[in-house]
Amino acid sequence: MKVPTPTVIICPGNGCSNIRQSNWYGIIYEKLIEKNIPCICKDFPDPLHARRDRWVPFVRSVAEEASPGDPSNVILVGHSSGAQAALRYTELYPVHGVVLVSATYSDLGDAHERMSGYYPQGDTNPYLFQDMLTNCKRECWYQFHSDDDPFIPLYEAEKIRDGLGLSSTYNMLSGRSHFFDYFDELETVIDVLISDD
């Protein structure tokens, strides 16, 4: 029996109260729907603070709703805070694939980011990279970062890359800032993940 096409779930950055009107989220949603690829692009709770204890359970509820027989049949596309939610989600739950856009390793000393609950603090709250890799069935991780991101230095993204190891494909693109604008490479890797059955 043919496995259903995975559902793409867009996990936005914080501060987006209408995600279809924010950054590239609505654009990729429309492009995927036009190709009959199921996609969910809905507003997240707690959009300003993007707290882990709200976002990770919300993503789980969306995955269960999107694919009730197999909530692992999802591809998470996380941008900025949404990338952190995708990382922490996959510590707990299996997924088909993950695309990280502008992910950071630490809170970079920002108290507001620290309160979100995603980031390691010394020896506490570490990333469980091995659990993430176990839960991504086909080791399908893609990561995008820009060399001129004004918020997240390259070395932060590289620490995520190194944690995921050879299971991920790391794409450092030049001059894309914090990826506020749509970029064709995103659609390309989603197509690869969809076809990887």
N, C-alpha and C. Protein backbone atom coordinates (compact mmCIF):
# COMPACT_ATOMS: atom_id res chain seq x y z
N MET A 1 0.84 -1.19 0.00
CA MET A 1 0.00 0.00 0.00
C MET A 1 0.88 1.24 0.00
N LYS A 2 0.53 2.21 -0.83
CA LYS A 2 1.33 3.43 -0.93
C LYS A 2 1.19 4.26 0.33
N VAL A 3 2.33 4.73 0.82
CA VAL A 3 2.33 5.59 2.00
C VAL A 3 1.82 6.97 1.58
N PRO A 4 0.91 7.58 2.36
CA PRO A 4 0.43 8.92 2.01
C PRO A 4 1.57 9.93 1.96
N THR A 5 1.39 10.95 1.13
CA THR A 5 2.38 12.01 1.06
C THR A 5 2.50 12.69 2.42
N PRO A 6 3.74 12.89 2.90
CA PRO A 6 3.89 13.58 4.20
C PRO A 6 3.28 14.97 4.17
N THR A 7 2.77 15.39 5.31
CA THR A 7 2.25 16.75 5.46
C THR A 7 3.37 17.66 5.94
N VAL A 8 3.52 18.79 5.27
CA VAL A 8 4.51 19.80 5.67
C VAL A 8 3.86 20.72 6.70
N ILE A 9 4.53 20.89 7.82
CA ILE A 9 4.07 21.81 8.86
C ILE A 9 5.05 22.97 8.95
N ILE A 10 4.56 24.18 8.72
CA ILE A 10 5.39 25.37 8.80
C ILE A 10 5.43 25.85 10.25
N CYS A 11 6.62 25.89 10.83
CA CYS A 11 6.83 26.37 12.20
C CYS A 11 7.50 27.74 12.09
N PRO A 12 6.79 28.82 12.40
CA PRO A 12 7.29 30.17 12.12
C PRO A 12 8.29 30.66 13.16
N GLY A 13 8.89 31.80 12.86
CA GLY A 13 9.66 32.51 13.86
C GLY A 13 8.73 33.22 14.83
N ASN A 14 9.28 33.64 15.96
CA ASN A 14 8.43 34.34 16.92
C ASN A 14 8.05 35.72 16.40
N GLY A 15 7.00 36.27 16.97
CA GLY A 15 6.52 37.59 16.57
C GLY A 15 5.57 37.59 15.40
N CYS A 16 5.24 36.41 14.87
CA CYS A 16 4.36 36.32 13.70
C CYS A 16 2.95 35.94 14.15
N SER A 17 2.08 36.93 14.24
CA SER A 17 0.72 36.65 14.69
C SER A 17 -0.18 36.23 13.53
N ASN A 18 0.22 36.50 12.30
CA ASN A 18 -0.50 36.04 11.12
C ASN A 18 0.54 35.44 10.19
N ILE A 19 0.78 34.13 10.33
CA ILE A 19 1.96 33.60 9.66
C ILE A 19 1.82 33.55 8.14
N ARG A 20 0.61 33.46 7.63
CA ARG A 20 0.49 33.44 6.16
C ARG A 20 0.86 34.78 5.54
N GLN A 21 0.86 35.83 6.35
CA GLN A 21 1.27 37.14 5.87
C GLN A 21 2.70 37.48 6.27
N SER A 22 3.41 36.53 6.86
CA SER A 22 4.74 36.80 7.40
C SER A 22 5.82 36.07 6.60
N ASN A 23 6.91 36.77 6.36
CA ASN A 23 8.08 36.19 5.71
C ASN A 23 7.66 35.41 4.46
N TRP A 24 8.13 34.17 4.31
CA TRP A 24 7.85 33.35 3.13
C TRP A 24 6.83 32.25 3.40
N TYR A 25 6.24 32.25 4.59
CA TYR A 25 5.42 31.11 4.99
C TYR A 25 4.20 30.91 4.09
N GLY A 26 3.50 31.98 3.80
CA GLY A 26 2.33 31.86 2.94
C GLY A 26 2.69 31.50 1.51
N ILE A 27 3.85 31.97 1.06
CA ILE A 27 4.28 31.67 -0.31
C ILE A 27 4.57 30.19 -0.47
N ILE A 28 5.35 29.61 0.44
CA ILE A 28 5.65 28.18 0.30
C ILE A 28 4.39 27.35 0.50
N TYR A 29 3.50 27.80 1.36
CA TYR A 29 2.22 27.10 1.53
C TYR A 29 1.47 27.02 0.21
N GLU A 30 1.33 28.14 -0.47
CA GLU A 30 0.60 28.17 -1.74
C GLU A 30 1.28 27.30 -2.79
N LYS A 31 2.61 27.36 -2.86
CA LYS A 31 3.34 26.56 -3.83
C LYS A 31 3.15 25.06 -3.60
N LEU A 32 3.17 24.65 -2.35
CA LEU A 32 3.01 23.23 -2.05
C LEU A 32 1.58 22.77 -2.32
N ILE A 33 0.61 23.57 -1.94
CA ILE A 33 -0.80 23.22 -2.18
C ILE A 33 -1.06 23.09 -3.68
N GLU A 34 -0.46 23.98 -4.48
CA GLU A 34 -0.62 23.90 -5.93
C GLU A 34 -0.10 22.58 -6.49
N LYS A 35 0.89 21.99 -5.80
CA LYS A 35 1.46 20.71 -6.24
C LYS A 35 0.83 19.52 -5.53
N ASN A 36 -0.29 19.77 -4.85
CA ASN A 36 -1.01 18.72 -4.10
C ASN A 36 -0.16 18.09 -3.01
N ILE A 37 0.73 18.88 -2.43
CA ILE A 37 1.48 18.46 -1.26
C ILE A 37 0.77 19.03 -0.04
N PRO A 38 0.30 18.18 0.86
CA PRO A 38 -0.42 18.71 2.03
C PRO A 38 0.50 19.60 2.87
N CYS A 39 -0.03 20.73 3.28
CA CYS A 39 0.76 21.69 4.05
C CYS A 39 -0.14 22.38 5.06
N ILE A 40 0.38 22.55 6.26
CA ILE A 40 -0.34 23.29 7.30
C ILE A 40 0.48 24.53 7.64
N CYS A 41 -0.18 25.67 7.52
CA CYS A 41 0.46 26.97 7.79
C CYS A 41 -0.54 27.76 8.63
N LYS A 42 -0.54 27.48 9.93
CA LYS A 42 -1.52 28.12 10.80
C LYS A 42 -0.81 28.86 11.93
N ASP A 43 -1.50 29.82 12.49
CA ASP A 43 -0.93 30.61 13.56
C ASP A 43 -0.63 29.74 14.78
N PHE A 44 0.51 30.01 15.40
CA PHE A 44 0.92 29.31 16.61
C PHE A 44 0.45 30.10 17.83
N PRO A 45 0.21 29.40 18.94
CA PRO A 45 -0.11 30.13 20.17
C PRO A 45 1.13 30.86 20.69
N ASP A 46 0.93 31.83 21.55
CA ASP A 46 2.06 32.50 22.21
C ASP A 46 3.08 33.00 21.18
N PRO A 47 2.64 33.74 20.15
CA PRO A 47 3.55 34.09 19.05
C PRO A 47 4.71 34.99 19.44
N LEU A 48 4.55 35.82 20.46
CA LEU A 48 5.63 36.73 20.83
C LEU A 48 6.76 35.98 21.54
N HIS A 49 6.42 35.12 22.48
CA HIS A 49 7.44 34.46 23.30
C HIS A 49 7.86 33.10 22.75
N ALA A 50 6.99 32.46 21.97
CA ALA A 50 7.30 31.18 21.30
C ALA A 50 7.78 30.13 22.29
N ARG A 51 7.15 30.05 23.45
CA ARG A 51 7.66 29.17 24.50
C ARG A 51 7.55 27.70 24.13
N ARG A 52 8.61 27.00 24.45
CA ARG A 52 8.73 25.57 24.16
C ARG A 52 7.57 24.77 24.73
N ASP A 53 7.16 25.08 25.95
CA ASP A 53 6.10 24.30 26.59
C ASP A 53 4.73 24.54 25.95
N ARG A 54 4.64 25.50 25.06
CA ARG A 54 3.40 25.71 24.29
C ARG A 54 3.56 25.27 22.84
N TRP A 55 4.72 25.55 22.27
CA TRP A 55 4.90 25.27 20.85
C TRP A 55 5.08 23.78 20.56
N VAL A 56 5.86 23.09 21.35
CA VAL A 56 6.07 21.66 21.06
C VAL A 56 4.76 20.88 21.17
N PRO A 57 3.96 21.06 22.24
CA PRO A 57 2.66 20.37 22.26
C PRO A 57 1.73 20.80 21.13
N PHE A 58 1.81 22.07 20.72
CA PHE A 58 0.98 22.53 19.61
C PHE A 58 1.37 21.82 18.32
N VAL A 59 2.67 21.71 18.05
CA VAL A 59 3.12 20.99 16.85
C VAL A 59 2.64 19.55 16.91
N ARG A 60 2.70 18.94 18.09
CA ARG A 60 2.22 17.56 18.22
C ARG A 60 0.74 17.46 17.87
N SER A 61 -0.06 18.39 18.36
CA SER A 61 -1.50 18.35 18.07
C SER A 61 -1.76 18.54 16.57
N VAL A 62 -0.97 19.39 15.93
CA VAL A 62 -1.12 19.61 14.49
C VAL A 62 -0.73 18.34 13.73
N ALA A 63 0.35 17.69 14.15
CA ALA A 63 0.78 16.45 13.49
C ALA A 63 -0.26 15.35 13.65
N GLU A 64 -0.84 15.24 14.81
CA GLU A 64 -1.86 14.21 15.05
C GLU A 64 -3.11 14.49 14.22
N GLU A 65 -3.45 15.76 14.07
CA GLU A 65 -4.62 16.14 13.27
C GLU A 65 -4.35 15.92 11.78
N ALA A 66 -3.13 16.23 11.34
CA ALA A 66 -2.79 16.13 9.93
C ALA A 66 -2.68 14.68 9.47
N SER A 67 -2.20 13.83 10.34
CA SER A 67 -1.94 12.43 9.98
C SER A 67 -2.35 11.53 11.14
N PRO A 68 -3.67 11.38 11.36
CA PRO A 68 -4.14 10.69 12.56
C PRO A 68 -3.68 9.24 12.66
N GLY A 69 -3.49 8.57 11.56
CA GLY A 69 -3.03 7.18 11.62
C GLY A 69 -1.54 7.06 11.87
N ASP A 70 -0.79 8.09 11.48
CA ASP A 70 0.66 8.05 11.62
C ASP A 70 1.19 9.48 11.76
N PRO A 71 1.17 10.04 12.97
CA PRO A 71 1.61 11.43 13.13
C PRO A 71 3.08 11.66 12.85
N SER A 72 3.82 10.56 12.58
CA SER A 72 5.21 10.74 12.18
C SER A 72 5.34 11.09 10.71
N ASN A 73 4.26 11.02 9.96
CA ASN A 73 4.31 11.27 8.52
C ASN A 73 4.21 12.77 8.23
N VAL A 74 5.13 13.53 8.85
CA VAL A 74 5.16 14.98 8.70
C VAL A 74 6.58 15.44 8.42
N ILE A 75 6.67 16.57 7.74
CA ILE A 75 7.95 17.26 7.53
C ILE A 75 7.83 18.61 8.23
N LEU A 76 8.70 18.86 9.17
CA LEU A 76 8.70 20.14 9.87
C LEU A 76 9.62 21.10 9.16
N VAL A 77 9.11 22.29 8.85
CA VAL A 77 9.92 23.36 8.27
C VAL A 77 9.92 24.48 9.30
N GLY A 78 11.04 24.61 10.01
CA GLY A 78 11.12 25.56 11.10
C GLY A 78 12.06 26.71 10.80
N HIS A 79 11.57 27.92 11.03
CA HIS A 79 12.37 29.13 10.79
C HIS A 79 12.61 29.83 12.12
N SER A 80 13.87 30.11 12.44
CA SER A 80 14.24 30.87 13.62
C SER A 80 13.70 30.16 14.88
N SER A 81 12.81 30.77 15.63
CA SER A 81 12.26 30.09 16.81
C SER A 81 11.54 28.80 16.42
N GLY A 82 10.96 28.78 15.24
CA GLY A 82 10.31 27.56 14.76
C GLY A 82 11.31 26.43 14.51
N ALA A 83 12.55 26.80 14.17
CA ALA A 83 13.60 25.79 14.03
C ALA A 83 13.92 25.17 15.38
N GLN A 84 13.94 26.01 16.42
CA GLN A 84 14.19 25.48 17.77
C GLN A 84 13.06 24.55 18.19
N ALA A 85 11.83 24.92 17.87
CA ALA A 85 10.69 24.05 18.20
C ALA A 85 10.81 22.73 17.46
N ALA A 86 11.24 22.77 16.20
CA ALA A 86 11.40 21.53 15.42
C ALA A 86 12.47 20.64 16.02
N LEU A 87 13.57 21.23 16.45
CA LEU A 87 14.63 20.45 17.09
C LEU A 87 14.12 19.77 18.35
N ARG A 88 13.48 20.53 19.21
CA ARG A 88 13.01 19.97 20.48
C ARG A 88 11.86 18.97 20.26
N TYR A 89 11.03 19.21 19.25
CA TYR A 89 9.96 18.26 18.93
C TYR A 89 10.54 16.91 18.58
N THR A 90 11.58 16.91 17.77
CA THR A 90 12.13 15.63 17.30
C THR A 90 12.95 14.92 18.37
N GLU A 91 13.20 15.57 19.48
CA GLU A 91 13.75 14.83 20.62
C GLU A 91 12.71 13.85 21.17
N LEU A 92 11.45 14.16 20.95
CA LEU A 92 10.35 13.39 21.55
C LEU A 92 9.58 12.52 20.58
N TYR A 93 9.46 12.98 19.33
CA TYR A 93 8.54 12.32 18.40
C TYR A 93 9.20 12.06 17.05
N PRO A 94 8.83 10.94 16.40
CA PRO A 94 9.35 10.66 15.06
C PRO A 94 8.74 11.58 14.01
N VAL A 95 9.50 11.85 12.97
CA VAL A 95 9.06 12.66 11.83
C VAL A 95 9.64 12.06 10.55
N HIS A 96 9.10 12.49 9.43
CA HIS A 96 9.62 12.07 8.12
C HIS A 96 10.87 12.85 7.75
N GLY A 97 10.89 14.14 8.07
CA GLY A 97 12.04 14.97 7.73
C GLY A 97 11.93 16.33 8.41
N VAL A 98 13.04 17.06 8.42
CA VAL A 98 13.10 18.38 9.07
C VAL A 98 13.92 19.32 8.20
N VAL A 99 13.42 20.54 8.05
CA VAL A 99 14.18 21.62 7.40
C VAL A 99 14.32 22.74 8.43
N LEU A 100 15.56 23.08 8.74
CA LEU A 100 15.85 24.15 9.69
C LEU A 100 16.34 25.37 8.92
N VAL A 101 15.73 26.52 9.21
CA VAL A 101 16.12 27.77 8.56
C VAL A 101 16.49 28.77 9.66
N SER A 102 17.73 29.25 9.64
CA SER A 102 18.20 30.22 10.63
C SER A 102 18.10 29.69 12.06
N ALA A 103 18.61 28.48 12.26
CA ALA A 103 18.60 27.89 13.60
C ALA A 103 19.82 28.37 14.39
N THR A 104 19.64 28.52 15.69
CA THR A 104 20.75 28.89 16.56
C THR A 104 20.94 27.82 17.63
N TYR A 105 22.12 27.76 18.17
CA TYR A 105 22.41 26.78 19.22
C TYR A 105 22.08 27.33 20.60
N SER A 106 22.42 28.60 20.84
CA SER A 106 22.25 29.19 22.17
C SER A 106 21.29 30.38 22.12
N ASP A 107 21.01 30.92 23.29
CA ASP A 107 20.15 32.11 23.36
C ASP A 107 20.94 33.39 23.11
N LEU A 108 22.26 33.26 22.89
CA LEU A 108 23.14 34.39 22.58
C LEU A 108 23.06 35.50 23.64
N GLY A 109 22.79 35.09 24.88
CA GLY A 109 22.74 36.05 25.97
C GLY A 109 21.48 36.89 26.04
N ASP A 110 20.48 36.56 25.24
CA ASP A 110 19.23 37.32 25.20
C ASP A 110 18.26 36.73 26.22
N ALA A 111 17.86 37.53 27.20
CA ALA A 111 17.00 37.04 28.28
C ALA A 111 15.64 36.59 27.76
N HIS A 112 15.10 37.30 26.77
CA HIS A 112 13.80 36.93 26.21
C HIS A 112 13.88 35.56 25.54
N GLU A 113 14.93 35.34 24.77
CA GLU A 113 15.11 34.02 24.14
C GLU A 113 15.32 32.93 25.19
N ARG A 114 16.07 33.24 26.22
CA ARG A 114 16.33 32.26 27.27
C ARG A 114 15.02 31.80 27.91
N MET A 115 14.08 32.71 28.09
CA MET A 115 12.80 32.37 28.72
C MET A 115 11.96 31.42 27.88
N SER A 116 12.27 31.31 26.59
CA SER A 116 11.48 30.42 25.73
C SER A 116 11.68 28.95 26.12
N GLY A 117 12.81 28.63 26.74
CA GLY A 117 13.04 27.27 27.22
C GLY A 117 13.69 26.32 26.24
N TYR A 118 14.13 26.81 25.09
CA TYR A 118 14.73 25.93 24.09
C TYR A 118 16.22 25.65 24.32
N TYR A 119 16.93 26.59 24.94
CA TYR A 119 18.38 26.59 24.82
C TYR A 119 19.08 25.97 26.03
N PRO A 120 20.20 25.27 25.77
CA PRO A 120 21.00 24.74 26.88
C PRO A 120 21.50 25.87 27.78
N GLN A 121 21.55 25.58 29.08
CA GLN A 121 22.09 26.52 30.06
C GLN A 121 23.16 25.79 30.86
N GLY A 122 24.39 25.97 30.47
CA GLY A 122 25.47 25.22 31.13
C GLY A 122 25.28 23.73 30.88
N ASP A 123 25.19 22.97 31.97
CA ASP A 123 25.02 21.52 31.85
C ASP A 123 23.55 21.10 31.83
N THR A 124 22.65 22.06 31.93
CA THR A 124 21.22 21.72 31.96
C THR A 124 20.58 21.97 30.60
N ASN A 125 19.49 21.30 30.36
CA ASN A 125 18.69 21.48 29.16
C ASN A 125 19.49 21.23 27.87
N PRO A 126 20.31 20.17 27.82
CA PRO A 126 21.12 19.94 26.61
C PRO A 126 20.25 19.52 25.44
N TYR A 127 20.75 19.74 24.24
CA TYR A 127 20.10 19.18 23.05
C TYR A 127 20.36 17.67 23.03
N LEU A 128 19.33 16.92 22.74
CA LEU A 128 19.45 15.46 22.67
C LEU A 128 19.57 15.06 21.20
N PHE A 129 20.73 15.33 20.63
CA PHE A 129 20.90 15.12 19.20
C PHE A 129 20.69 13.65 18.80
N GLN A 130 21.12 12.72 19.62
CA GLN A 130 20.94 11.31 19.27
C GLN A 130 19.46 10.95 19.18
N ASP A 131 18.66 11.49 20.09
CA ASP A 131 17.21 11.24 20.03
C ASP A 131 16.61 11.87 18.77
N MET A 132 17.09 13.07 18.42
CA MET A 132 16.60 13.72 17.19
C MET A 132 16.89 12.84 15.98
N LEU A 133 18.10 12.32 15.92
CA LEU A 133 18.49 11.50 14.77
C LEU A 133 17.72 10.20 14.73
N THR A 134 17.47 9.62 15.88
CA THR A 134 16.68 8.38 15.95
C THR A 134 15.25 8.62 15.47
N ASN A 135 14.72 9.79 15.80
CA ASN A 135 13.32 10.08 15.48
C ASN A 135 13.08 10.62 14.08
N CYS A 136 14.13 10.90 13.36
CA CYS A 136 13.97 11.31 11.96
C CYS A 136 14.25 10.08 11.11
N LYS A 137 13.21 9.40 10.70
CA LYS A 137 13.27 8.04 10.16
C LYS A 137 14.33 7.85 9.09
N ARG A 138 14.41 8.77 8.17
CA ARG A 138 15.31 8.58 7.03
C ARG A 138 16.55 9.45 7.13
N GLU A 139 16.82 9.95 8.34
CA GLU A 139 17.95 10.86 8.51
C GLU A 139 17.87 12.02 7.52
N CYS A 140 16.68 12.54 7.36
CA CYS A 140 16.43 13.62 6.39
C CYS A 140 16.40 14.96 7.10
N TRP A 141 17.56 15.53 7.31
CA TRP A 141 17.70 16.85 7.90
C TRP A 141 18.33 17.79 6.88
N TYR A 142 17.73 18.95 6.72
CA TYR A 142 18.31 20.00 5.89
C TYR A 142 18.39 21.27 6.72
N GLN A 143 19.48 21.98 6.58
CA GLN A 143 19.68 23.20 7.35
C GLN A 143 20.14 24.31 6.41
N PHE A 144 19.51 25.48 6.56
CA PHE A 144 19.90 26.67 5.79
C PHE A 144 20.35 27.76 6.75
N HIS A 145 21.43 28.42 6.39
CA HIS A 145 21.88 29.58 7.14
C HIS A 145 22.55 30.55 6.17
N SER A 146 22.56 31.82 6.55
CA SER A 146 23.18 32.84 5.70
C SER A 146 24.44 33.38 6.36
N ASP A 147 25.39 33.75 5.53
CA ASP A 147 26.65 34.27 6.05
C ASP A 147 26.51 35.69 6.60
N ASP A 148 25.36 36.33 6.38
CA ASP A 148 25.18 37.69 6.90
C ASP A 148 23.94 37.80 7.79
N ASP A 149 23.57 36.70 8.43
CA ASP A 149 22.42 36.74 9.34
C ASP A 149 22.71 37.77 10.44
N PRO A 150 21.85 38.79 10.59
CA PRO A 150 22.14 39.84 11.57
C PRO A 150 21.89 39.42 13.02
N PHE A 151 21.21 38.29 13.21
CA PHE A 151 20.87 37.85 14.56
C PHE A 151 21.66 36.63 15.02
N ILE A 152 21.98 35.74 14.10
CA ILE A 152 22.58 34.45 14.47
C ILE A 152 23.89 34.26 13.72
N PRO A 153 25.01 34.33 14.43
CA PRO A 153 26.31 34.13 13.77
C PRO A 153 26.43 32.73 13.20
N LEU A 154 27.29 32.60 12.19
CA LEU A 154 27.50 31.30 11.55
C LEU A 154 27.90 30.22 12.54
N TYR A 155 28.73 30.56 13.52
CA TYR A 155 29.21 29.52 14.43
C TYR A 155 28.07 28.89 15.22
N GLU A 156 26.98 29.63 15.42
CA GLU A 156 25.82 29.06 16.12
C GLU A 156 25.16 27.98 15.25
N ALA A 157 24.94 28.31 13.98
CA ALA A 157 24.36 27.33 13.06
C ALA A 157 25.26 26.12 12.89
N GLU A 158 26.56 26.37 12.88
CA GLU A 158 27.51 25.28 12.70
C GLU A 158 27.49 24.31 13.88
N LYS A 159 27.18 24.81 15.08
CA LYS A 159 27.08 23.91 16.23
C LYS A 159 25.86 22.98 16.09
N ILE A 160 24.78 23.49 15.53
CA ILE A 160 23.63 22.62 15.23
C ILE A 160 24.04 21.61 14.16
N ARG A 161 24.68 22.09 13.11
CA ARG A 161 25.16 21.20 12.05
C ARG A 161 26.04 20.09 12.62
N ASP A 162 26.96 20.44 13.49
CA ASP A 162 27.87 19.45 14.04
C ASP A 162 27.14 18.46 14.94
N GLY A 163 26.13 18.94 15.66
CA GLY A 163 25.35 18.04 16.51
C GLY A 163 24.58 17.01 15.71
N LEU A 164 24.07 17.42 14.55
CA LEU A 164 23.33 16.50 13.69
C LEU A 164 24.26 15.60 12.88
N GLY A 165 25.48 16.04 12.68
CA GLY A 165 26.48 15.21 12.03
C GLY A 165 26.16 14.91 10.58
N LEU A 166 26.57 13.73 10.15
CA LEU A 166 26.45 13.35 8.75
C LEU A 166 25.02 13.10 8.31
N SER A 167 24.08 13.12 9.26
CA SER A 167 22.68 12.90 8.91
C SER A 167 22.04 14.13 8.30
N SER A 168 22.74 15.25 8.31
CA SER A 168 22.13 16.48 7.82
C SER A 168 22.88 17.02 6.61
N THR A 169 22.16 17.80 5.83
CA THR A 169 22.75 18.54 4.72
C THR A 169 22.72 20.01 5.09
N TYR A 170 23.89 20.61 5.19
CA TYR A 170 24.02 21.99 5.64
C TYR A 170 24.24 22.89 4.42
N ASN A 171 23.39 23.90 4.30
CA ASN A 171 23.47 24.83 3.17
C ASN A 171 23.73 26.23 3.70
N MET A 172 24.93 26.73 3.51
CA MET A 172 25.24 28.11 3.87
C MET A 172 25.10 28.94 2.60
N LEU A 173 24.10 29.81 2.58
CA LEU A 173 23.83 30.64 1.41
C LEU A 173 24.28 32.07 1.70
N SER A 174 24.81 32.72 0.71
CA SER A 174 25.37 34.05 0.88
C SER A 174 24.31 35.14 0.68
N GLY A 175 24.34 36.12 1.59
CA GLY A 175 23.53 37.32 1.42
C GLY A 175 22.04 37.14 1.60
N ARG A 176 21.62 36.20 2.43
CA ARG A 176 20.17 35.96 2.62
C ARG A 176 19.65 36.51 3.94
N SER A 177 20.49 37.18 4.70
CA SER A 177 20.09 37.78 5.97
C SER A 177 19.49 36.70 6.89
N HIS A 178 18.34 36.96 7.46
CA HIS A 178 17.68 36.00 8.36
C HIS A 178 16.59 35.23 7.61
N PHE A 179 16.72 35.16 6.30
CA PHE A 179 15.75 34.46 5.45
C PHE A 179 14.33 34.98 5.68
N PHE A 180 14.19 36.30 5.57
CA PHE A 180 12.86 36.89 5.66
C PHE A 180 12.10 36.71 4.35
N ASP A 181 12.83 36.56 3.24
CA ASP A 181 12.21 36.46 1.92
C ASP A 181 12.19 35.02 1.43
N TYR A 182 11.28 34.74 0.53
CA TYR A 182 11.17 33.40 -0.05
C TYR A 182 12.46 33.03 -0.79
N PHE A 183 12.83 31.76 -0.72
CA PHE A 183 14.01 31.29 -1.46
C PHE A 183 13.70 29.94 -2.08
N ASP A 184 14.04 29.80 -3.36
CA ASP A 184 13.69 28.60 -4.14
C ASP A 184 14.28 27.32 -3.57
N GLU A 185 15.43 27.42 -2.93
CA GLU A 185 16.09 26.23 -2.40
C GLU A 185 15.22 25.49 -1.39
N LEU A 186 14.35 26.22 -0.71
CA LEU A 186 13.46 25.58 0.27
C LEU A 186 12.51 24.61 -0.42
N GLU A 187 11.87 25.06 -1.48
CA GLU A 187 10.95 24.19 -2.21
C GLU A 187 11.68 22.97 -2.77
N THR A 188 12.91 23.17 -3.21
CA THR A 188 13.69 22.06 -3.77
C THR A 188 13.92 20.97 -2.73
N VAL A 189 14.32 21.34 -1.52
CA VAL A 189 14.59 20.29 -0.52
C VAL A 189 13.30 19.65 -0.02
N ILE A 190 12.21 20.39 0.00
CA ILE A 190 10.93 19.77 0.37
C ILE A 190 10.54 18.73 -0.70
N ASP A 191 10.76 19.06 -1.95
CA ASP A 191 10.48 18.09 -3.02
C ASP A 191 11.32 16.82 -2.83
N VAL A 192 12.58 16.99 -2.44
CA VAL A 192 13.45 15.83 -2.20
C VAL A 192 12.90 14.99 -1.06
N LEU A 193 12.49 15.65 0.01
CA LEU A 193 11.97 14.91 1.15
C LEU A 193 10.67 14.18 0.81
N ILE A 194 9.82 14.83 0.03
CA ILE A 194 8.55 14.20 -0.37
C ILE A 194 8.81 12.97 -1.22
N SER A 195 9.79 13.07 -2.09
CA SER A 195 10.06 11.94 -3.00
C SER A 195 10.87 10.83 -2.36
N ASP A 196 11.37 11.05 -1.15
CA ASP A 196 12.24 10.08 -0.47
C ASP A 196 11.40 9.07 0.30
N ASP A 197 10.67 8.24 -0.43
CA ASP A 197 9.82 7.21 0.20
C ASP A 197 10.35 5.83 -0.12
